Structure formats: structure tokens, C-alpha cells
Amino acid sequence: QVQLVESGGGLVHSGGSLRLSCAVSGATFSPYTMGWFRQSPGKQRELVAAIPRGASAMYADSVKGRFTISRDNAKNTVYLQMNNLKPEDTAVYYCNTDDGVASLPGDYWGQGTQVTVSS
């Protein structure tokens, strides 16, 4: 059974930073592309950043230059460093991955972690 466990959300002032982590477990699961989505009330879930195994990361235009995605393949963990946070970054952030496809969304989701940025 594949599980994604997220951590690192919270409340921060505008201009602050947070680091999200997502650990993927599963006996034979090897994540290919790993990424982060977010969803705020009344809006569709959107892709924030993704990083395929052995390839360059991609970012939504709204977070370029402020967010950095990285992964530790030995730990099956993906991170999202978020700097210079803005109130519009407030959302529930979800980790997402799959083991057989390069594009997201994949089949596996984390439980979500709340990020709240106050002005």
C-alpha cells in the first residue's frame, strides 16, 4: 500500500518562509514524477511544482523565483521550499506522485497540509 505523509504547513506572515515535506512509503514503489498541488476555497486544484526523476523541475508562473522543489530519491521524499510567501499562496497543499507516468497528476495523493499566509 502506497502512503504519502506530508508535514511542514502552518501560519506565516507575508514575506516569510515554510518548507513542506512529503515522504512516500510502499514496499516496491519507486516514484517517478513527484509534485505539489494546492487548492484554495472556491478554486480548482492547481499544479505548483513538479520534479521528474533525473530531470529538471517545473513551476507554475505564480511561484517561479520564490518556490523550490527538490527530492531525495534514497528517502522517497519530496520537498517544497517556499520563500517570500504571499497571502495568495494560502491554500491546502497536496503532494502527488505516481510510479509509471511522467506527467501529473498521478494516482497517489497526500492528505494535504494547510498553508496560511497573513498580510
N, C-alpha and C. Protein backbone atom coordinates (compact mmCIF):
# COMPACT_ATOMS: atom_id res chain seq x y z
N GLN A 1 0.85 -1.19 0.00
CA GLN A 1 0.00 0.00 0.00
C GLN A 1 0.89 1.24 0.00
N VAL A 2 0.59 2.17 -0.91
CA VAL A 2 1.38 3.39 -1.02
C VAL A 2 0.77 4.48 -0.14
N GLN A 3 1.61 5.11 0.66
CA GLN A 3 1.16 6.21 1.51
C GLN A 3 2.05 7.42 1.32
N LEU A 4 1.44 8.60 1.32
CA LEU A 4 2.16 9.85 1.24
C LEU A 4 1.84 10.64 2.51
N VAL A 5 2.87 10.97 3.26
CA VAL A 5 2.69 11.68 4.52
C VAL A 5 3.37 13.04 4.43
N GLU A 6 2.57 14.08 4.56
CA GLU A 6 3.06 15.44 4.41
C GLU A 6 3.28 16.07 5.78
N SER A 7 4.17 17.05 5.78
CA SER A 7 4.40 17.83 7.00
C SER A 7 4.96 19.19 6.61
N GLY A 8 4.89 20.14 7.54
CA GLY A 8 5.54 21.42 7.34
C GLY A 8 4.64 22.61 7.10
N GLY A 9 3.34 22.40 7.01
CA GLY A 9 2.46 23.54 6.81
C GLY A 9 2.35 24.38 8.07
N GLY A 10 1.63 25.51 7.97
CA GLY A 10 1.45 26.35 9.14
C GLY A 10 1.04 27.75 8.77
N LEU A 11 1.14 28.64 9.75
CA LEU A 11 0.78 30.05 9.60
C LEU A 11 2.04 30.88 9.58
N VAL A 12 2.14 31.76 8.60
CA VAL A 12 3.32 32.60 8.47
C VAL A 12 2.90 33.98 7.97
N HIS A 13 3.67 34.99 8.31
CA HIS A 13 3.40 36.33 7.82
C HIS A 13 3.86 36.48 6.37
N SER A 14 3.29 37.43 5.69
CA SER A 14 3.69 37.72 4.32
C SER A 14 5.20 38.01 4.29
N GLY A 15 5.87 37.41 3.31
CA GLY A 15 7.31 37.54 3.21
C GLY A 15 8.08 36.44 3.91
N GLY A 16 7.39 35.63 4.67
CA GLY A 16 8.03 34.55 5.41
C GLY A 16 8.26 33.31 4.56
N SER A 17 8.77 32.27 5.22
CA SER A 17 9.13 31.04 4.52
C SER A 17 8.57 29.82 5.25
N LEU A 18 8.31 28.77 4.48
CA LEU A 18 7.93 27.47 5.01
C LEU A 18 8.56 26.40 4.13
N ARG A 19 8.77 25.23 4.72
CA ARG A 19 9.27 24.10 3.95
C ARG A 19 8.34 22.91 4.16
N LEU A 20 7.78 22.43 3.06
CA LEU A 20 6.92 21.26 3.11
C LEU A 20 7.72 20.00 2.77
N SER A 21 7.35 18.91 3.40
CA SER A 21 7.97 17.62 3.11
C SER A 21 6.88 16.59 2.84
N CYS A 22 7.19 15.63 2.01
CA CYS A 22 6.26 14.54 1.71
C CYS A 22 7.06 13.26 1.57
N ALA A 23 6.82 12.33 2.49
CA ALA A 23 7.50 11.04 2.45
C ALA A 23 6.57 10.00 1.86
N VAL A 24 7.07 9.28 0.86
CA VAL A 24 6.29 8.25 0.17
C VAL A 24 6.75 6.88 0.63
N SER A 25 5.81 6.06 1.09
CA SER A 25 6.16 4.72 1.53
C SER A 25 5.37 3.69 0.73
N GLY A 26 5.96 2.52 0.59
CA GLY A 26 5.34 1.43 -0.16
C GLY A 26 6.45 0.47 -0.53
N ALA A 27 6.26 -0.78 -0.29
CA ALA A 27 7.34 -1.76 -0.34
C ALA A 27 8.12 -1.73 -1.66
N THR A 28 7.42 -1.66 -2.78
CA THR A 28 8.11 -1.72 -4.07
C THR A 28 7.88 -0.48 -4.90
N PHE A 29 7.37 0.57 -4.27
CA PHE A 29 7.01 1.77 -5.01
C PHE A 29 8.22 2.64 -5.24
N SER A 30 8.41 3.06 -6.48
CA SER A 30 9.52 3.94 -6.83
C SER A 30 8.94 5.14 -7.57
N PRO A 31 8.81 6.26 -6.90
CA PRO A 31 8.17 7.42 -7.53
C PRO A 31 8.91 7.90 -8.77
N TYR A 32 8.16 8.21 -9.81
CA TYR A 32 8.80 8.79 -11.00
C TYR A 32 8.74 10.30 -10.89
N THR A 33 7.63 10.91 -11.26
CA THR A 33 7.49 12.34 -11.06
C THR A 33 6.83 12.59 -9.70
N MET A 34 7.36 13.55 -8.97
CA MET A 34 6.79 13.95 -7.68
C MET A 34 6.45 15.44 -7.76
N GLY A 35 5.38 15.81 -7.12
CA GLY A 35 4.98 17.21 -7.24
C GLY A 35 4.07 17.67 -6.13
N TRP A 36 3.76 18.94 -6.20
CA TRP A 36 2.88 19.59 -5.23
C TRP A 36 1.76 20.32 -5.97
N PHE A 37 0.56 20.12 -5.48
CA PHE A 37 -0.61 20.86 -5.94
C PHE A 37 -1.11 21.69 -4.76
N ARG A 38 -1.95 22.66 -5.06
CA ARG A 38 -2.60 23.41 -3.99
C ARG A 38 -4.04 23.75 -4.39
N GLN A 39 -4.85 23.92 -3.37
CA GLN A 39 -6.25 24.27 -3.61
C GLN A 39 -6.72 25.21 -2.52
N SER A 40 -7.29 26.33 -2.95
CA SER A 40 -7.87 27.28 -2.01
C SER A 40 -9.37 27.28 -2.21
N PRO A 41 -10.15 27.77 -1.24
CA PRO A 41 -11.61 27.69 -1.33
C PRO A 41 -12.15 28.34 -2.60
N GLY A 42 -13.02 27.62 -3.27
CA GLY A 42 -13.66 28.14 -4.46
C GLY A 42 -12.82 28.06 -5.72
N LYS A 43 -11.63 27.49 -5.61
CA LYS A 43 -10.75 27.39 -6.78
C LYS A 43 -10.42 25.94 -7.08
N GLN A 44 -10.01 25.71 -8.32
CA GLN A 44 -9.60 24.37 -8.71
C GLN A 44 -8.21 24.06 -8.17
N ARG A 45 -7.97 22.78 -7.98
CA ARG A 45 -6.63 22.36 -7.56
C ARG A 45 -5.67 22.66 -8.70
N GLU A 46 -4.52 23.25 -8.37
CA GLU A 46 -3.56 23.62 -9.40
C GLU A 46 -2.18 23.05 -9.09
N LEU A 47 -1.45 22.75 -10.15
CA LEU A 47 -0.09 22.25 -10.01
C LEU A 47 0.83 23.41 -9.66
N VAL A 48 1.59 23.26 -8.60
CA VAL A 48 2.52 24.29 -8.16
C VAL A 48 3.92 24.00 -8.69
N ALA A 49 4.39 22.78 -8.52
CA ALA A 49 5.74 22.42 -8.95
C ALA A 49 5.82 20.91 -9.09
N ALA A 50 6.70 20.46 -9.97
CA ALA A 50 6.89 19.03 -10.19
C ALA A 50 8.34 18.77 -10.53
N ILE A 51 8.81 17.57 -10.18
CA ILE A 51 10.19 17.21 -10.48
C ILE A 51 10.24 15.74 -10.86
N PRO A 52 10.51 15.46 -12.13
CA PRO A 52 10.66 14.07 -12.55
C PRO A 52 12.00 13.52 -12.07
N ARG A 53 12.10 12.21 -11.96
CA ARG A 53 13.35 11.60 -11.57
C ARG A 53 14.39 11.86 -12.66
N GLY A 54 15.50 12.49 -12.30
CA GLY A 54 16.58 12.71 -13.24
C GLY A 54 16.34 13.83 -14.24
N ALA A 55 15.37 14.66 -14.00
CA ALA A 55 15.07 15.74 -14.93
C ALA A 55 14.86 17.05 -14.18
N SER A 56 14.73 18.12 -14.94
CA SER A 56 14.59 19.45 -14.33
C SER A 56 13.19 19.65 -13.78
N ALA A 57 13.13 20.50 -12.79
CA ALA A 57 11.85 20.84 -12.18
C ALA A 57 11.09 21.83 -13.05
N MET A 58 9.79 21.86 -12.84
CA MET A 58 8.95 22.86 -13.48
C MET A 58 8.09 23.53 -12.41
N TYR A 59 7.72 24.79 -12.68
CA TYR A 59 6.98 25.58 -11.71
C TYR A 59 5.82 26.32 -12.38
N ALA A 60 4.79 26.55 -11.60
CA ALA A 60 3.74 27.47 -12.04
C ALA A 60 4.33 28.87 -12.09
N ASP A 61 3.84 29.67 -13.02
CA ASP A 61 4.37 31.04 -13.16
C ASP A 61 4.24 31.83 -11.86
N SER A 62 3.19 31.57 -11.11
CA SER A 62 2.92 32.36 -9.91
C SER A 62 3.93 32.13 -8.79
N VAL A 63 4.70 31.04 -8.88
CA VAL A 63 5.66 30.74 -7.80
C VAL A 63 7.11 30.75 -8.26
N LYS A 64 7.34 30.95 -9.54
CA LYS A 64 8.71 30.95 -10.05
C LYS A 64 9.55 32.01 -9.34
N GLY A 65 10.75 31.61 -8.95
CA GLY A 65 11.64 32.53 -8.26
C GLY A 65 11.43 32.59 -6.76
N ARG A 66 10.34 31.99 -6.28
CA ARG A 66 10.05 32.01 -4.84
C ARG A 66 10.04 30.61 -4.24
N PHE A 67 9.58 29.63 -4.99
CA PHE A 67 9.48 28.24 -4.51
C PHE A 67 10.55 27.39 -5.18
N THR A 68 11.04 26.40 -4.43
CA THR A 68 11.99 25.45 -4.97
C THR A 68 11.58 24.04 -4.57
N ILE A 69 11.43 23.17 -5.57
CA ILE A 69 11.10 21.78 -5.30
C ILE A 69 12.37 20.95 -5.41
N SER A 70 12.50 19.96 -4.54
CA SER A 70 13.64 19.06 -4.59
C SER A 70 13.20 17.68 -4.11
N ARG A 71 14.03 16.68 -4.34
CA ARG A 71 13.68 15.33 -3.93
C ARG A 71 14.91 14.57 -3.48
N ASP A 72 14.69 13.65 -2.57
CA ASP A 72 15.72 12.74 -2.10
C ASP A 72 15.26 11.34 -2.47
N ASN A 73 15.82 10.79 -3.53
CA ASN A 73 15.35 9.50 -4.03
C ASN A 73 15.64 8.36 -3.05
N ALA A 74 16.69 8.48 -2.29
CA ALA A 74 17.01 7.44 -1.31
C ALA A 74 15.95 7.35 -0.22
N LYS A 75 15.32 8.48 0.05
CA LYS A 75 14.29 8.54 1.10
C LYS A 75 12.88 8.58 0.52
N ASN A 76 12.75 8.58 -0.80
CA ASN A 76 11.44 8.72 -1.44
C ASN A 76 10.68 9.91 -0.86
N THR A 77 11.37 11.03 -0.78
CA THR A 77 10.81 12.22 -0.18
C THR A 77 10.96 13.40 -1.12
N VAL A 78 9.92 14.22 -1.16
CA VAL A 78 9.95 15.44 -1.96
C VAL A 78 9.72 16.63 -1.03
N TYR A 79 10.38 17.72 -1.35
CA TYR A 79 10.32 18.92 -0.53
C TYR A 79 9.84 20.10 -1.37
N LEU A 80 9.25 21.08 -0.68
CA LEU A 80 8.89 22.33 -1.34
C LEU A 80 9.31 23.46 -0.41
N GLN A 81 10.38 24.15 -0.79
CA GLN A 81 10.83 25.32 -0.04
C GLN A 81 10.09 26.52 -0.59
N MET A 82 9.38 27.20 0.28
CA MET A 82 8.56 28.34 -0.14
C MET A 82 9.08 29.60 0.56
N ASN A 83 9.58 30.52 -0.24
CA ASN A 83 10.12 31.78 0.28
C ASN A 83 9.27 32.94 -0.20
N ASN A 84 9.41 34.07 0.48
CA ASN A 84 8.67 35.28 0.11
C ASN A 84 7.18 34.97 -0.10
N LEU A 85 6.62 34.31 0.87
CA LEU A 85 5.21 33.90 0.75
C LEU A 85 4.28 35.10 0.72
N LYS A 86 3.20 34.93 -0.03
CA LYS A 86 2.21 35.99 -0.20
C LYS A 86 0.85 35.47 0.28
N PRO A 87 -0.05 36.36 0.64
CA PRO A 87 -1.39 35.91 1.06
C PRO A 87 -2.08 35.03 0.02
N GLU A 88 -1.82 35.28 -1.25
CA GLU A 88 -2.45 34.46 -2.29
C GLU A 88 -1.88 33.05 -2.37
N ASP A 89 -0.83 32.76 -1.63
CA ASP A 89 -0.31 31.39 -1.55
C ASP A 89 -1.08 30.55 -0.53
N THR A 90 -1.97 31.19 0.20
CA THR A 90 -2.77 30.47 1.19
C THR A 90 -3.62 29.40 0.50
N ALA A 91 -3.47 28.16 0.96
CA ALA A 91 -4.17 27.03 0.35
C ALA A 91 -3.84 25.76 1.12
N VAL A 92 -4.54 24.69 0.79
CA VAL A 92 -4.13 23.37 1.23
C VAL A 92 -3.21 22.82 0.15
N TYR A 93 -2.04 22.38 0.57
CA TYR A 93 -1.04 21.86 -0.35
C TYR A 93 -1.03 20.34 -0.29
N TYR A 94 -1.05 19.72 -1.48
CA TYR A 94 -1.11 18.27 -1.60
C TYR A 94 0.11 17.75 -2.35
N CYS A 95 0.70 16.73 -1.82
CA CYS A 95 1.76 16.00 -2.50
C CYS A 95 1.12 14.99 -3.46
N ASN A 96 1.76 14.78 -4.59
CA ASN A 96 1.21 13.87 -5.58
C ASN A 96 2.32 13.15 -6.31
N THR A 97 2.10 11.89 -6.64
CA THR A 97 3.11 11.15 -7.37
C THR A 97 2.52 9.93 -8.04
N ASP A 98 3.33 9.29 -8.85
CA ASP A 98 2.99 8.02 -9.46
C ASP A 98 4.30 7.33 -9.80
N ASP A 99 4.23 6.06 -10.13
CA ASP A 99 5.47 5.34 -10.41
C ASP A 99 5.66 5.01 -11.87
N GLY A 100 4.64 5.28 -12.68
CA GLY A 100 4.74 4.85 -14.07
C GLY A 100 4.51 5.94 -15.10
N VAL A 101 4.25 7.15 -14.65
CA VAL A 101 3.95 8.21 -15.60
C VAL A 101 4.82 9.41 -15.33
N ALA A 102 5.11 10.16 -16.40
CA ALA A 102 5.97 11.32 -16.24
C ALA A 102 5.19 12.58 -15.89
N SER A 103 3.91 12.63 -16.28
CA SER A 103 3.14 13.84 -16.03
C SER A 103 2.22 13.65 -14.83
N LEU A 104 1.90 14.73 -14.19
CA LEU A 104 0.99 14.71 -13.05
C LEU A 104 -0.36 15.28 -13.46
N PRO A 105 -1.46 14.99 -12.80
CA PRO A 105 -1.49 14.28 -11.53
C PRO A 105 -1.37 12.77 -11.67
N GLY A 106 -0.66 12.17 -10.72
CA GLY A 106 -0.58 10.74 -10.64
C GLY A 106 -1.70 10.20 -9.77
N ASP A 107 -1.63 8.93 -9.48
CA ASP A 107 -2.71 8.28 -8.76
C ASP A 107 -2.67 8.46 -7.25
N TYR A 108 -1.53 8.88 -6.72
CA TYR A 108 -1.35 8.87 -5.27
C TYR A 108 -1.26 10.29 -4.71
N TRP A 109 -2.05 10.52 -3.65
CA TRP A 109 -2.13 11.84 -3.04
C TRP A 109 -1.84 11.77 -1.55
N GLY A 110 -1.26 12.85 -1.05
CA GLY A 110 -1.14 13.01 0.39
C GLY A 110 -2.44 13.54 0.96
N GLN A 111 -2.46 13.68 2.28
CA GLN A 111 -3.68 14.09 2.96
C GLN A 111 -3.90 15.60 2.90
N GLY A 112 -2.88 16.34 2.53
CA GLY A 112 -2.96 17.79 2.46
C GLY A 112 -2.45 18.45 3.73
N THR A 113 -1.81 19.59 3.54
CA THR A 113 -1.33 20.37 4.68
C THR A 113 -1.67 21.83 4.44
N GLN A 114 -2.20 22.48 5.46
CA GLN A 114 -2.67 23.86 5.31
C GLN A 114 -1.51 24.84 5.42
N VAL A 115 -1.47 25.74 4.46
CA VAL A 115 -0.52 26.86 4.50
C VAL A 115 -1.35 28.15 4.52
N THR A 116 -1.12 28.96 5.53
CA THR A 116 -1.85 30.22 5.66
C THR A 116 -0.85 31.36 5.78
N VAL A 117 -0.99 32.33 4.89
CA VAL A 117 -0.09 33.49 4.87
C VAL A 117 -0.91 34.73 5.21
N SER A 118 -0.55 35.36 6.29
CA SER A 118 -1.27 36.56 6.72
C SER A 118 -0.60 37.81 6.16
N SER A 119 -1.41 38.81 5.91
CA SER A 119 -0.87 40.05 5.32
C SER A 119 -0.42 41.01 6.39
